[in-house]
């Protein structure tokens, strides 16, 4: 489940920066505005703590696009 931030934006934790950038590109190609953000590593329990931020209203499509691209999204973190 993604974390919802103010403004109706959600986060899905990806891990390292390169897969997070790939996830952003997948979402953008799918018509979902997305940005790569750095999470607090303490919130994710790992040193690599990058996530993609996108409108919460696009949750199902975002997950479907990422799953189709073979990108594993994990728990979220607050920006």
Foldseek 3Di string as FASTA:
>chain_A
DWDADPPQKTKWWQFAPVLQVVLCVLCVVVVWHKDKDAADCVVVVDPGTIIIITHNVCVVVSVVSCVVVVGDTHYYHYD
